[in-house]
Amino acid sequence: MTQTILESVQIHWQDLRGRTYDLMDVLADADLDARLPFPESQDILYQFYCMLGTQESWPPVLLEGGMQGWDCSLQPAPAGEVLPVERVRQGMEAADKALLATFEKVDWLRVFENGSTPLAGYYRLVEHEAHHHGQLINLIYANNLPIPESWADSWALTRDE
């Protein structure tokens, strides 16, 4: 059976984002504050925030060839409270539904006036997600957080015991 571009992109996104969910499955809410040991470091929550906001802002790239601004639906926890990992997950799941619906509308090989295609735009979204996976790997190791099995398999991660 031959896969269409749409089917291939759908399967690929679900696999990539599935690994993000696998990480969420092993994190405690307090882990979202974990950062690297230098002042400029962003925390785990920031990584998820950036991934989600970019995904939510990405449909115009796929449909029209460029972004129309950036925004993220994830709101911070009220003062004195910890943002639950589940709230981040719910935001990403809603964004996944919207992105998959957008995929259905895309002519993947259309050439926009700027010379790009939706397929190239999808590649940039994937690069962005993978970039944040790399950032998260550093945070996993620096904070001795669990390594999800899918991350160990996909990114060849190990922990010498």
Protein backbone atom coordinates (compact mmCIF):
# COMPACT_ATOMS: atom_id res chain seq x y z
CA MET A 1 0.00 0.00 0.00
CA THR A 2 1.31 3.44 -0.91
CA GLN A 3 1.00 6.30 1.57
CA THR A 4 -0.03 9.72 0.46
CA ILE A 5 1.94 12.76 1.62
CA LEU A 6 -0.95 13.57 3.96
CA GLU A 7 -0.91 10.11 5.54
CA SER A 8 2.86 10.19 5.89
CA VAL A 9 2.81 13.63 7.56
CA GLN A 10 -0.01 12.59 9.90
CA ILE A 11 1.81 9.44 10.99
CA HIS A 12 5.09 11.29 11.38
CA TRP A 13 3.60 14.11 13.49
CA GLN A 14 1.76 11.67 15.74
CA ASP A 15 4.99 9.73 16.30
CA LEU A 16 7.05 12.84 17.03
CA ARG A 17 4.45 14.43 19.30
CA GLY A 18 3.84 11.02 20.86
CA ARG A 19 7.39 11.12 22.17
CA THR A 20 6.64 14.51 23.74
CA TYR A 21 3.66 12.93 25.49
CA ASP A 22 5.86 10.04 26.61
CA LEU A 23 8.10 12.55 28.38
CA MET A 24 5.11 14.21 30.01
CA ASP A 25 4.05 10.78 31.30
CA VAL A 26 7.21 10.49 33.42
CA LEU A 27 7.37 14.09 34.69
CA ALA A 28 5.93 15.36 37.94
CA ASP A 29 4.30 18.79 37.98
CA ALA A 30 7.27 20.19 39.94
CA ASP A 31 9.65 19.02 37.18
CA LEU A 32 8.31 21.74 34.88
CA ASP A 33 10.48 24.20 36.84
CA ALA A 34 13.69 22.20 36.21
CA ARG A 35 16.39 24.18 34.45
CA LEU A 36 20.11 24.03 33.68
CA PRO A 37 22.59 25.37 36.23
CA PHE A 38 23.13 28.82 34.76
CA PRO A 39 21.00 31.98 34.92
CA GLU A 40 20.10 32.13 31.21
CA SER A 41 18.56 28.65 31.23
CA GLN A 42 14.89 28.29 30.44
CA ASP A 43 12.91 25.65 32.31
CA ILE A 44 11.04 22.60 31.01
CA LEU A 45 7.75 24.48 31.02
CA TYR A 46 9.25 27.09 28.68
CA GLN A 47 10.20 24.32 26.21
CA PHE A 48 6.61 23.05 26.16
CA TYR A 49 5.24 26.60 25.99
CA CYS A 50 7.37 27.37 22.94
CA MET A 51 6.48 24.07 21.25
CA LEU A 52 2.76 24.63 21.82
CA GLY A 53 2.71 28.28 20.80
CA THR A 54 4.62 27.59 17.61
CA GLN A 55 2.29 24.73 16.73
CA GLU A 56 -0.78 26.86 17.41
CA SER A 57 0.68 29.65 15.25
CA TRP A 58 1.74 27.36 12.39
CA PRO A 59 -1.42 26.81 10.24
CA PRO A 60 -0.85 29.99 8.17
CA VAL A 61 2.62 28.68 7.26
CA LEU A 62 1.03 25.53 5.85
CA LEU A 63 -1.94 27.23 4.21
CA GLU A 64 -0.51 30.57 3.07
CA GLY A 65 3.28 30.30 3.22
CA GLY A 66 4.06 32.45 6.26
CA MET A 67 3.31 33.16 9.89
CA GLN A 68 0.79 35.81 10.88
CA GLY A 69 2.07 36.21 14.42
CA TRP A 70 2.88 34.01 17.38
CA ASP A 71 0.73 33.25 20.40
CA CYS A 72 0.28 30.47 22.93
CA SER A 73 -2.93 29.44 24.66
CA LEU A 74 -1.12 28.10 27.73
CA GLN A 75 -1.68 30.40 30.67
CA PRO A 76 0.55 30.41 33.77
CA ALA A 77 -0.67 28.90 37.01
CA PRO A 78 -2.14 31.31 39.55
CA ALA A 79 0.38 32.74 42.03
CA GLY A 80 1.48 30.16 44.55
CA GLU A 81 0.28 27.21 42.45
CA VAL A 82 2.18 24.78 40.25
CA LEU A 83 1.05 24.36 36.67
CA PRO A 84 0.04 20.72 36.19
CA VAL A 85 1.71 18.72 33.42
CA GLU A 86 -1.82 17.58 32.52
CA ARG A 87 -2.80 21.15 31.61
CA VAL A 88 0.16 21.37 29.23
CA ARG A 89 -0.81 18.01 27.75
CA GLN A 90 -4.42 19.13 27.25
CA GLY A 91 -3.21 22.21 25.38
CA MET A 92 -1.01 20.10 23.13
CA GLU A 93 -3.78 17.58 22.49
CA ALA A 94 -6.15 20.39 21.44
CA ALA A 95 -3.42 21.85 19.23
CA ASP A 96 -2.82 18.42 17.69
CA LYS A 97 -6.49 18.13 16.73
CA ALA A 98 -6.37 21.57 15.12
CA LEU A 99 -3.09 20.84 13.33
CA LEU A 100 -4.34 17.50 12.01
CA ALA A 101 -7.49 19.26 10.74
CA THR A 102 -5.23 21.82 9.02
CA PHE A 103 -3.23 18.99 7.42
CA GLU A 104 -6.46 17.87 5.71
CA LYS A 105 -6.73 21.25 3.94
CA VAL A 106 -3.13 21.46 2.74
CA ASP A 107 -1.93 21.07 -0.84
CA TRP A 108 1.48 19.79 0.26
CA LEU A 109 3.39 20.55 -2.94
CA ARG A 110 1.85 23.95 -3.70
CA VAL A 111 4.52 26.59 -4.31
CA PHE A 112 3.84 29.86 -2.49
CA GLU A 113 4.93 33.26 -3.82
CA ASN A 114 7.94 33.13 -1.46
CA GLY A 115 9.08 29.88 -3.12
CA SER A 116 8.33 27.66 -0.14
CA THR A 117 5.88 24.78 0.00
CA PRO A 118 3.65 23.53 2.80
CA LEU A 119 5.80 20.40 2.97
CA ALA A 120 8.88 22.57 3.61
CA GLY A 121 6.86 24.45 6.23
CA TYR A 122 6.02 21.15 7.90
CA TYR A 123 9.73 20.28 7.96
CA ARG A 124 10.42 23.55 9.79
CA LEU A 125 7.77 22.70 12.38
CA VAL A 126 9.38 19.29 12.87
CA GLU A 127 12.82 20.89 13.22
CA HIS A 128 11.39 23.18 15.88
CA GLU A 129 9.90 20.27 17.84
CA ALA A 130 13.16 18.30 17.53
CA HIS A 131 15.16 21.35 18.67
CA HIS A 132 13.10 21.46 21.85
CA HIS A 133 13.53 17.71 22.30
CA GLY A 134 17.27 18.41 22.31
CA GLN A 135 16.81 21.13 24.91
CA LEU A 136 14.68 18.75 26.97
CA ILE A 137 17.37 16.05 26.75
CA ASN A 138 19.84 18.45 28.36
CA LEU A 139 17.29 19.19 31.09
CA ILE A 140 16.61 15.47 31.63
CA TYR A 141 20.30 14.74 32.17
CA ALA A 142 21.11 17.85 34.21
CA ASN A 143 18.18 17.25 36.57
CA ASN A 144 18.43 13.44 36.68
CA LEU A 145 14.89 13.04 35.36
CA PRO A 146 13.57 9.75 33.96
CA ILE A 147 14.31 8.91 30.34
CA PRO A 148 11.17 7.67 28.56
CA GLU A 149 11.71 4.44 26.63
CA SER A 150 10.72 6.09 23.33
CA TRP A 151 13.38 8.76 23.90
CA ALA A 152 16.00 6.16 24.74
CA ASP A 153 15.12 4.36 21.49
CA SER A 154 14.75 7.41 19.22
CA TRP A 155 17.57 9.57 20.55
CA ALA A 156 19.90 6.79 21.78
CA LEU A 157 19.76 8.01 25.37
CA THR A 158 21.28 6.01 28.21
CA ARG A 159 22.15 6.65 31.79
CA ASP A 160 25.27 4.99 33.17
CA GLU A 161 24.29 3.50 36.49
